[in-house]
Amino acid sequence: MTDKDEPREVRRRQRHHFRIAKALSAAPRVQHGALPWRWVDGTLEIMLVTSRETGRWVIPKGWPHDGMSSARSAAQEAFEEAGITGAITKKEIGRFHYLKFLGKDDAIECIVHLHAMEVEEELPRWPEKAQRTRKWFLRPDAAEAVDEPDLRKLILSFAP
């Protein structure tokens, strides 16, 4: 970086920090998510999917669906994002916060109500198949793969 570029980089960082502070000052937006799981030879596995924008490993989650409970919205997101169906807990197993970046100029804080889903079927085709990858992880590896510290704790403490 040249001396001429330094003020521009400082301003870029200041704008980034301002957007984060602005997002954290507003009430968090609610989302619903599923923690997909299964047993394989007595070992617990957790499914994660890639995010569409960055390719990070995440759980299926999204905005509430009109007329659907939290659990039903989470199950719908699991179908759309991971192509899975199964039994989902009506009661949430926990909550976690994260910042959702909307383009490069804005962010909002979200709180995700998380429900456990015992996966019964993995469909060969699903709505977001072309945009995401799904993968089974051992529990410690799934926890390590996600960025959100509170989600990491929920994965590590999950006991079906």
N, C-alpha and C. Protein backbone atom coordinates (compact mmCIF):
# COMPACT_ATOMS: atom_id res chain seq x y z
N MET A 1 0.85 -1.16 0.00
CA MET A 1 0.00 0.00 0.00
C MET A 1 0.90 1.24 0.00
N THR A 2 0.60 2.17 -0.87
CA THR A 2 1.38 3.40 -0.92
C THR A 2 0.83 4.39 0.10
N ASP A 3 1.62 5.44 0.37
CA ASP A 3 1.19 6.49 1.29
C ASP A 3 -0.10 7.14 0.80
N LYS A 4 -0.25 7.22 -0.52
CA LYS A 4 -1.44 7.83 -1.12
C LYS A 4 -2.69 6.99 -0.86
N ASP A 5 -2.55 5.65 -0.80
CA ASP A 5 -3.69 4.74 -0.59
C ASP A 5 -4.11 4.63 0.86
N GLU A 6 -3.24 5.00 1.79
CA GLU A 6 -3.52 4.80 3.22
C GLU A 6 -4.78 5.52 3.69
N PRO A 7 -5.01 6.81 3.38
CA PRO A 7 -6.24 7.46 3.83
C PRO A 7 -7.50 6.78 3.27
N ARG A 8 -7.44 6.30 2.06
CA ARG A 8 -8.58 5.61 1.45
C ARG A 8 -8.89 4.33 2.21
N GLU A 9 -7.86 3.58 2.59
CA GLU A 9 -8.05 2.34 3.34
C GLU A 9 -8.61 2.64 4.73
N VAL A 10 -8.14 3.70 5.36
CA VAL A 10 -8.65 4.08 6.68
C VAL A 10 -10.14 4.42 6.58
N ARG A 11 -10.53 5.19 5.56
CA ARG A 11 -11.94 5.53 5.38
C ARG A 11 -12.79 4.29 5.11
N ARG A 12 -12.25 3.35 4.33
CA ARG A 12 -12.99 2.11 4.04
C ARG A 12 -13.24 1.34 5.33
N ARG A 13 -12.22 1.24 6.17
CA ARG A 13 -12.37 0.54 7.45
C ARG A 13 -13.35 1.26 8.37
N GLN A 14 -13.29 2.58 8.39
CA GLN A 14 -14.23 3.35 9.21
C GLN A 14 -15.66 3.13 8.76
N ARG A 15 -15.90 3.13 7.45
CA ARG A 15 -17.26 2.87 6.93
C ARG A 15 -17.72 1.47 7.31
N HIS A 16 -16.83 0.49 7.23
CA HIS A 16 -17.16 -0.89 7.60
C HIS A 16 -17.55 -0.96 9.07
N HIS A 17 -16.77 -0.35 9.96
CA HIS A 17 -17.07 -0.37 11.39
C HIS A 17 -18.36 0.38 11.69
N PHE A 18 -18.62 1.47 10.96
CA PHE A 18 -19.86 2.22 11.14
C PHE A 18 -21.06 1.35 10.78
N ARG A 19 -20.97 0.61 9.67
CA ARG A 19 -22.09 -0.27 9.27
C ARG A 19 -22.35 -1.33 10.32
N ILE A 20 -21.31 -1.91 10.90
CA ILE A 20 -21.48 -2.92 11.94
C ILE A 20 -22.12 -2.29 13.18
N ALA A 21 -21.65 -1.11 13.58
CA ALA A 21 -22.23 -0.44 14.75
C ALA A 21 -23.70 -0.11 14.50
N LYS A 22 -24.02 0.34 13.30
CA LYS A 22 -25.41 0.65 12.95
C LYS A 22 -26.27 -0.61 13.03
N ALA A 23 -25.77 -1.72 12.51
CA ALA A 23 -26.52 -2.98 12.54
C ALA A 23 -26.76 -3.43 13.98
N LEU A 24 -25.79 -3.26 14.83
CA LEU A 24 -25.92 -3.70 16.22
C LEU A 24 -26.80 -2.78 17.05
N SER A 25 -27.05 -1.56 16.58
CA SER A 25 -27.88 -0.63 17.34
C SER A 25 -29.37 -0.85 17.09
N ALA A 26 -29.74 -1.55 16.03
CA ALA A 26 -31.14 -1.83 15.72
C ALA A 26 -31.55 -3.15 16.38
N ALA A 27 -32.86 -3.32 16.55
CA ALA A 27 -33.36 -4.58 17.10
C ALA A 27 -33.02 -5.71 16.14
N PRO A 28 -32.57 -6.86 16.66
CA PRO A 28 -32.24 -7.97 15.77
C PRO A 28 -33.47 -8.48 15.01
N ARG A 29 -33.25 -8.91 13.79
CA ARG A 29 -34.31 -9.52 12.98
C ARG A 29 -34.32 -11.01 13.27
N VAL A 30 -35.50 -11.60 13.31
CA VAL A 30 -35.66 -13.01 13.65
C VAL A 30 -35.57 -13.88 12.40
N GLN A 31 -34.82 -14.97 12.53
CA GLN A 31 -34.79 -16.02 11.51
C GLN A 31 -35.01 -17.36 12.21
N HIS A 32 -35.32 -18.37 11.41
CA HIS A 32 -35.53 -19.71 11.93
C HIS A 32 -34.58 -20.65 11.20
N GLY A 33 -33.97 -21.57 11.97
CA GLY A 33 -32.99 -22.47 11.38
C GLY A 33 -33.14 -23.89 11.87
N ALA A 34 -32.55 -24.80 11.10
CA ALA A 34 -32.57 -26.22 11.44
C ALA A 34 -31.14 -26.71 11.65
N LEU A 35 -30.97 -27.54 12.67
CA LEU A 35 -29.70 -28.23 12.89
C LEU A 35 -29.93 -29.68 12.45
N PRO A 36 -29.57 -30.01 11.19
CA PRO A 36 -29.79 -31.36 10.68
C PRO A 36 -28.80 -32.35 11.29
N TRP A 37 -29.31 -33.52 11.72
CA TRP A 37 -28.44 -34.50 12.34
C TRP A 37 -28.87 -35.91 11.97
N ARG A 38 -27.94 -36.86 12.19
CA ARG A 38 -28.22 -38.29 12.00
C ARG A 38 -27.19 -39.09 12.79
N TRP A 39 -27.52 -40.35 13.03
CA TRP A 39 -26.58 -41.29 13.62
C TRP A 39 -26.03 -42.18 12.51
N VAL A 40 -24.72 -42.39 12.49
CA VAL A 40 -24.09 -43.34 11.58
C VAL A 40 -23.17 -44.22 12.42
N ASP A 41 -23.53 -45.50 12.55
CA ASP A 41 -22.74 -46.44 13.35
C ASP A 41 -22.47 -45.90 14.75
N GLY A 42 -23.49 -45.31 15.37
CA GLY A 42 -23.36 -44.81 16.72
C GLY A 42 -22.66 -43.48 16.85
N THR A 43 -22.33 -42.85 15.73
CA THR A 43 -21.64 -41.55 15.75
C THR A 43 -22.58 -40.47 15.23
N LEU A 44 -22.67 -39.37 15.98
CA LEU A 44 -23.52 -38.25 15.59
C LEU A 44 -22.86 -37.46 14.48
N GLU A 45 -23.64 -37.19 13.43
CA GLU A 45 -23.18 -36.33 12.34
C GLU A 45 -24.13 -35.16 12.18
N ILE A 46 -23.57 -34.03 11.79
CA ILE A 46 -24.31 -32.79 11.59
C ILE A 46 -24.13 -32.37 10.13
N MET A 47 -25.24 -31.98 9.48
CA MET A 47 -25.14 -31.50 8.10
C MET A 47 -25.05 -29.97 8.11
N LEU A 48 -24.13 -29.47 7.31
CA LEU A 48 -24.02 -28.04 7.05
C LEU A 48 -24.16 -27.80 5.55
N VAL A 49 -24.51 -26.58 5.20
CA VAL A 49 -24.60 -26.17 3.80
C VAL A 49 -23.74 -24.93 3.61
N THR A 50 -23.36 -24.67 2.37
CA THR A 50 -22.60 -23.46 2.10
C THR A 50 -23.56 -22.28 1.92
N SER A 51 -23.10 -21.10 2.33
CA SER A 51 -23.88 -19.90 2.08
C SER A 51 -23.77 -19.56 0.59
N ARG A 52 -24.75 -18.86 0.09
CA ARG A 52 -24.74 -18.53 -1.34
C ARG A 52 -23.69 -17.49 -1.68
N GLU A 53 -23.50 -16.51 -0.83
CA GLU A 53 -22.61 -15.40 -1.15
C GLU A 53 -21.14 -15.73 -0.94
N THR A 54 -20.80 -16.29 0.22
CA THR A 54 -19.38 -16.45 0.57
C THR A 54 -18.88 -17.88 0.55
N GLY A 55 -19.79 -18.85 0.51
CA GLY A 55 -19.38 -20.25 0.54
C GLY A 55 -19.00 -20.74 1.93
N ARG A 56 -19.31 -19.93 2.99
CA ARG A 56 -19.04 -20.36 4.37
C ARG A 56 -19.97 -21.51 4.72
N TRP A 57 -19.57 -22.33 5.68
CA TRP A 57 -20.43 -23.40 6.17
C TRP A 57 -21.41 -22.83 7.19
N VAL A 58 -22.70 -23.09 6.97
CA VAL A 58 -23.78 -22.57 7.81
C VAL A 58 -24.83 -23.66 7.98
N ILE A 59 -25.80 -23.39 8.85
CA ILE A 59 -26.97 -24.28 8.96
C ILE A 59 -28.06 -23.69 8.06
N PRO A 60 -29.01 -24.51 7.60
CA PRO A 60 -30.13 -23.94 6.84
C PRO A 60 -30.94 -23.01 7.74
N LYS A 61 -31.17 -21.79 7.27
CA LYS A 61 -31.91 -20.80 8.05
C LYS A 61 -32.50 -19.76 7.12
N GLY A 62 -33.50 -19.04 7.62
CA GLY A 62 -34.08 -17.97 6.81
C GLY A 62 -35.17 -17.24 7.55
N TRP A 63 -35.80 -16.33 6.82
CA TRP A 63 -36.84 -15.48 7.38
C TRP A 63 -38.09 -16.30 7.68
N PRO A 64 -38.92 -15.81 8.61
CA PRO A 64 -40.18 -16.50 8.91
C PRO A 64 -41.07 -16.58 7.67
N HIS A 65 -41.80 -17.67 7.57
CA HIS A 65 -42.78 -17.85 6.49
C HIS A 65 -44.16 -17.54 7.05
N ASP A 66 -44.94 -16.75 6.32
CA ASP A 66 -46.29 -16.39 6.76
C ASP A 66 -47.11 -17.62 7.08
N GLY A 67 -47.74 -17.62 8.24
CA GLY A 67 -48.63 -18.70 8.62
C GLY A 67 -47.93 -19.95 9.11
N MET A 68 -46.60 -19.92 9.21
CA MET A 68 -45.86 -21.10 9.67
C MET A 68 -45.25 -20.85 11.04
N SER A 69 -45.21 -21.88 11.84
CA SER A 69 -44.53 -21.81 13.13
C SER A 69 -43.02 -21.70 12.91
N SER A 70 -42.30 -21.42 13.98
CA SER A 70 -40.85 -21.37 13.90
C SER A 70 -40.28 -22.69 13.39
N ALA A 71 -40.79 -23.81 13.95
CA ALA A 71 -40.30 -25.12 13.55
C ALA A 71 -40.61 -25.41 12.08
N ARG A 72 -41.81 -25.07 11.66
CA ARG A 72 -42.20 -25.34 10.27
C ARG A 72 -41.37 -24.47 9.31
N SER A 73 -41.11 -23.20 9.68
CA SER A 73 -40.26 -22.34 8.86
C SER A 73 -38.86 -22.92 8.74
N ALA A 74 -38.32 -23.44 9.87
CA ALA A 74 -36.99 -24.04 9.85
C ALA A 74 -36.96 -25.27 8.94
N ALA A 75 -38.01 -26.08 9.01
CA ALA A 75 -38.09 -27.27 8.15
C ALA A 75 -38.17 -26.87 6.68
N GLN A 76 -38.89 -25.81 6.38
CA GLN A 76 -39.00 -25.32 5.01
C GLN A 76 -37.63 -24.85 4.50
N GLU A 77 -36.89 -24.14 5.34
CA GLU A 77 -35.55 -23.69 4.96
C GLU A 77 -34.62 -24.88 4.72
N ALA A 78 -34.73 -25.93 5.56
CA ALA A 78 -33.91 -27.12 5.38
C ALA A 78 -34.21 -27.79 4.05
N PHE A 79 -35.47 -27.82 3.66
CA PHE A 79 -35.84 -28.37 2.36
C PHE A 79 -35.27 -27.51 1.23
N GLU A 80 -35.48 -26.19 1.30
CA GLU A 80 -35.06 -25.30 0.22
C GLU A 80 -33.54 -25.24 0.07
N GLU A 81 -32.82 -25.16 1.19
CA GLU A 81 -31.38 -24.94 1.14
C GLU A 81 -30.56 -26.22 1.09
N ALA A 82 -31.08 -27.31 1.69
CA ALA A 82 -30.29 -28.55 1.77
C ALA A 82 -30.97 -29.75 1.14
N GLY A 83 -32.22 -29.63 0.76
CA GLY A 83 -32.92 -30.76 0.13
C GLY A 83 -33.13 -31.92 1.08
N ILE A 84 -33.45 -31.59 2.33
CA ILE A 84 -33.66 -32.65 3.33
C ILE A 84 -35.03 -32.51 3.98
N THR A 85 -35.53 -33.65 4.44
CA THR A 85 -36.77 -33.67 5.21
C THR A 85 -36.53 -34.55 6.43
N GLY A 86 -37.40 -34.37 7.43
CA GLY A 86 -37.26 -35.18 8.63
C GLY A 86 -38.08 -34.62 9.77
N ALA A 87 -37.94 -35.26 10.91
CA ALA A 87 -38.65 -34.85 12.11
C ALA A 87 -37.92 -33.67 12.74
N ILE A 88 -38.68 -32.60 13.02
CA ILE A 88 -38.07 -31.40 13.59
C ILE A 88 -38.69 -31.11 14.94
N THR A 89 -37.88 -30.64 15.88
CA THR A 89 -38.38 -30.34 17.22
C THR A 89 -39.28 -29.10 17.18
N LYS A 90 -40.41 -29.18 17.85
CA LYS A 90 -41.30 -28.01 17.92
C LYS A 90 -40.67 -26.92 18.77
N LYS A 91 -39.99 -27.34 19.82
CA LYS A 91 -39.33 -26.38 20.71
C LYS A 91 -37.92 -26.13 20.20
N GLU A 92 -37.50 -24.88 20.23
CA GLU A 92 -36.14 -24.57 19.79
C GLU A 92 -35.12 -25.16 20.76
N ILE A 93 -33.95 -25.51 20.23
CA ILE A 93 -32.88 -26.05 21.07
C ILE A 93 -31.91 -24.95 21.50
N GLY A 94 -32.11 -23.76 20.98
CA GLY A 94 -31.27 -22.63 21.34
C GLY A 94 -31.39 -21.52 20.33
N ARG A 95 -30.63 -20.46 20.58
CA ARG A 95 -30.61 -19.29 19.69
C ARG A 95 -29.17 -18.82 19.52
N PHE A 96 -28.91 -18.23 18.37
CA PHE A 96 -27.60 -17.61 18.18
C PHE A 96 -27.76 -16.35 17.34
N HIS A 97 -26.83 -15.43 17.50
CA HIS A 97 -26.81 -14.16 16.78
C HIS A 97 -25.74 -14.20 15.69
N TYR A 98 -25.99 -13.46 14.62
CA TYR A 98 -24.94 -13.25 13.62
C TYR A 98 -25.26 -11.98 12.85
N LEU A 99 -24.27 -11.43 12.16
CA LEU A 99 -24.46 -10.27 11.30
C LEU A 99 -24.67 -10.75 9.87
N LYS A 100 -25.78 -10.34 9.28
CA LYS A 100 -26.06 -10.67 7.89
C LYS A 100 -25.70 -9.45 7.05
N PHE A 101 -24.71 -9.60 6.19
CA PHE A 101 -24.29 -8.51 5.34
C PHE A 101 -25.16 -8.48 4.09
N LEU A 102 -25.69 -7.29 3.81
CA LEU A 102 -26.56 -7.09 2.65
C LEU A 102 -25.76 -6.28 1.63
N GLY A 103 -25.12 -6.98 0.73
CA GLY A 103 -24.22 -6.30 -0.19
C GLY A 103 -22.98 -5.84 0.58
N LYS A 104 -22.29 -4.86 0.07
CA LYS A 104 -21.09 -4.41 0.78
C LYS A 104 -21.33 -3.13 1.57
N ASP A 105 -22.56 -2.61 1.55
CA ASP A 105 -22.83 -1.33 2.20
C ASP A 105 -23.73 -1.40 3.43
N ASP A 106 -24.25 -2.56 3.77
CA ASP A 106 -25.17 -2.61 4.91
C ASP A 106 -25.13 -3.98 5.57
N ALA A 107 -25.54 -4.00 6.83
CA ALA A 107 -25.60 -5.25 7.60
C ALA A 107 -26.73 -5.13 8.60
N ILE A 108 -27.29 -6.29 8.96
CA ILE A 108 -28.30 -6.32 10.01
C ILE A 108 -27.96 -7.46 10.97
N GLU A 109 -28.30 -7.25 12.24
CA GLU A 109 -28.10 -8.31 13.21
C GLU A 109 -29.32 -9.23 13.16
N CYS A 110 -29.06 -10.53 13.17
CA CYS A 110 -30.13 -11.52 13.17
C CYS A 110 -30.00 -12.42 14.40
N ILE A 111 -31.14 -12.85 14.90
CA ILE A 111 -31.17 -13.87 15.95
C ILE A 111 -31.89 -15.06 15.34
N VAL A 112 -31.24 -16.22 15.40
CA VAL A 112 -31.78 -17.43 14.78
C VAL A 112 -32.32 -18.35 15.87
N HIS A 113 -33.60 -18.70 15.74
CA HIS A 113 -34.23 -19.68 16.61
C HIS A 113 -33.94 -21.05 15.98
N LEU A 114 -33.17 -21.87 16.68
CA LEU A 114 -32.67 -23.12 16.11
C LEU A 114 -33.47 -24.33 16.58
N HIS A 115 -33.85 -25.17 15.63
CA HIS A 115 -34.59 -26.41 15.89
C HIS A 115 -33.76 -27.59 15.38
N ALA A 116 -33.79 -28.68 16.11
CA ALA A 116 -33.07 -29.89 15.67
C ALA A 116 -33.93 -30.66 14.67
N MET A 117 -33.31 -31.15 13.62
CA MET A 117 -34.02 -31.95 12.61
C MET A 117 -33.30 -33.27 12.41
N GLU A 118 -33.98 -34.37 12.76
CA GLU A 118 -33.43 -35.68 12.46
C GLU A 118 -33.73 -35.98 11.00
N VAL A 119 -32.70 -36.03 10.19
CA VAL A 119 -32.87 -36.16 8.74
C VAL A 119 -33.33 -37.58 8.40
N GLU A 120 -34.43 -37.64 7.67
CA GLU A 120 -34.99 -38.91 7.23
C GLU A 120 -34.77 -39.15 5.74
N GLU A 121 -34.66 -38.05 4.98
CA GLU A 121 -34.50 -38.19 3.53
C GLU A 121 -33.64 -37.07 2.98
N GLU A 122 -32.71 -37.44 2.09
CA GLU A 122 -31.91 -36.48 1.34
C GLU A 122 -32.36 -36.58 -0.12
N LEU A 123 -32.96 -35.52 -0.59
CA LEU A 123 -33.52 -35.50 -1.94
C LEU A 123 -32.43 -35.27 -2.98
N PRO A 124 -32.56 -35.88 -4.16
CA PRO A 124 -31.55 -35.68 -5.19
C PRO A 124 -31.63 -34.29 -5.83
N ARG A 125 -32.81 -33.67 -5.77
CA ARG A 125 -33.01 -32.32 -6.33
C ARG A 125 -33.74 -31.47 -5.29
N TRP A 126 -33.36 -30.19 -5.21
CA TRP A 126 -34.03 -29.27 -4.30
C TRP A 126 -33.86 -27.86 -4.84
N PRO A 127 -34.66 -26.90 -4.35
CA PRO A 127 -34.67 -25.56 -4.95
C PRO A 127 -33.31 -24.87 -5.06
N GLU A 128 -32.44 -24.97 -4.07
CA GLU A 128 -31.18 -24.23 -4.11
C GLU A 128 -29.96 -25.11 -4.37
N LYS A 129 -30.18 -26.26 -4.98
CA LYS A 129 -29.08 -27.21 -5.23
C LYS A 129 -27.95 -26.58 -6.04
N ALA A 130 -28.30 -25.77 -7.03
CA ALA A 130 -27.28 -25.16 -7.89
C ALA A 130 -26.49 -24.07 -7.17
N GLN A 131 -26.99 -23.61 -6.02
CA GLN A 131 -26.36 -22.50 -5.32
C GLN A 131 -25.61 -22.91 -4.06
N ARG A 132 -25.79 -24.15 -3.61
CA ARG A 132 -25.23 -24.57 -2.33
C ARG A 132 -24.67 -26.00 -2.42
N THR A 133 -23.79 -26.28 -1.47
CA THR A 133 -23.29 -27.64 -1.29
C THR A 133 -23.71 -28.09 0.10
N ARG A 134 -24.12 -29.34 0.24
CA ARG A 134 -24.42 -29.87 1.57
C ARG A 134 -23.39 -30.94 1.90
N LYS A 135 -23.08 -31.07 3.20
CA LYS A 135 -22.05 -32.02 3.61
C LYS A 135 -22.29 -32.44 5.05
N TRP A 136 -22.07 -33.74 5.32
CA TRP A 136 -22.15 -34.26 6.68
C TRP A 136 -20.79 -34.11 7.35
N PHE A 137 -20.81 -33.70 8.62
CA PHE A 137 -19.60 -33.53 9.42
C PHE A 137 -19.75 -34.29 10.73
N LEU A 138 -18.64 -34.76 11.28
CA LEU A 138 -18.65 -35.20 12.67
C LEU A 138 -18.90 -33.95 13.52
N ARG A 139 -19.53 -34.12 14.67
CA ARG A 139 -19.91 -32.97 15.48
C ARG A 139 -18.77 -31.97 15.73
N PRO A 140 -17.57 -32.42 16.18
CA PRO A 140 -16.50 -31.43 16.43
C PRO A 140 -16.08 -30.70 15.15
N ASP A 141 -16.10 -31.40 14.03
CA ASP A 141 -15.72 -30.78 12.76
C ASP A 141 -16.76 -29.76 12.31
N ALA A 142 -18.04 -30.07 12.54
CA ALA A 142 -19.11 -29.12 12.20
C ALA A 142 -18.96 -27.86 13.03
N ALA A 143 -18.71 -28.03 14.32
CA ALA A 143 -18.53 -26.87 15.20
C ALA A 143 -17.34 -26.03 14.75
N GLU A 144 -16.29 -26.66 14.34
CA GLU A 144 -15.09 -25.95 13.89
C GLU A 144 -15.34 -25.23 12.55
N ALA A 145 -16.22 -25.78 11.72
CA ALA A 145 -16.45 -25.24 10.38
C ALA A 145 -17.28 -23.95 10.37
N VAL A 146 -18.13 -23.75 11.39
CA VAL A 146 -18.99 -22.56 11.41
C VAL A 146 -18.25 -21.38 12.04
N ASP A 147 -18.63 -20.17 11.63
CA ASP A 147 -17.97 -18.96 12.12
C ASP A 147 -18.57 -18.42 13.41
N GLU A 148 -19.85 -18.67 13.66
CA GLU A 148 -20.56 -18.05 14.77
C GLU A 148 -20.25 -18.79 16.09
N PRO A 149 -19.65 -18.13 17.07
CA PRO A 149 -19.29 -18.79 18.33
C PRO A 149 -20.48 -19.41 19.06
N ASP A 150 -21.63 -18.73 19.08
CA ASP A 150 -22.79 -19.28 19.77
C ASP A 150 -23.34 -20.52 19.06
N LEU A 151 -23.30 -20.54 17.73
CA LEU A 151 -23.71 -21.73 16.98
C LEU A 151 -22.74 -22.87 17.26
N ARG A 152 -21.47 -22.56 17.32
CA ARG A 152 -20.45 -23.57 17.63
C ARG A 152 -20.77 -24.24 18.98
N LYS A 153 -21.11 -23.43 19.99
CA LYS A 153 -21.45 -23.97 21.31
C LYS A 153 -22.71 -24.84 21.25
N LEU A 154 -23.71 -24.39 20.49
CA LEU A 154 -24.95 -25.19 20.35
C LEU A 154 -24.67 -26.54 19.71
N ILE A 155 -23.83 -26.56 18.69
CA ILE A 155 -23.49 -27.82 18.03
C ILE A 155 -22.78 -28.75 19.00
N LEU A 156 -21.81 -28.22 19.73
CA LEU A 156 -21.03 -29.05 20.65
C LEU A 156 -21.86 -29.58 21.82
N SER A 157 -22.87 -28.82 22.23
CA SER A 157 -23.70 -29.25 23.38
C SER A 157 -24.93 -30.04 22.96
N PHE A 158 -25.19 -30.13 21.66
CA PHE A 158 -26.41 -30.81 21.18
C PHE A 158 -26.36 -32.29 21.52
N ALA A 159 -27.45 -32.78 22.12
CA ALA A 159 -27.58 -34.19 22.48
C ALA A 159 -28.98 -34.65 22.10
N PRO A 160 -29.11 -35.37 20.99
CA PRO A 160 -30.44 -35.82 20.57
C PRO A 160 -31.07 -36.79 21.54
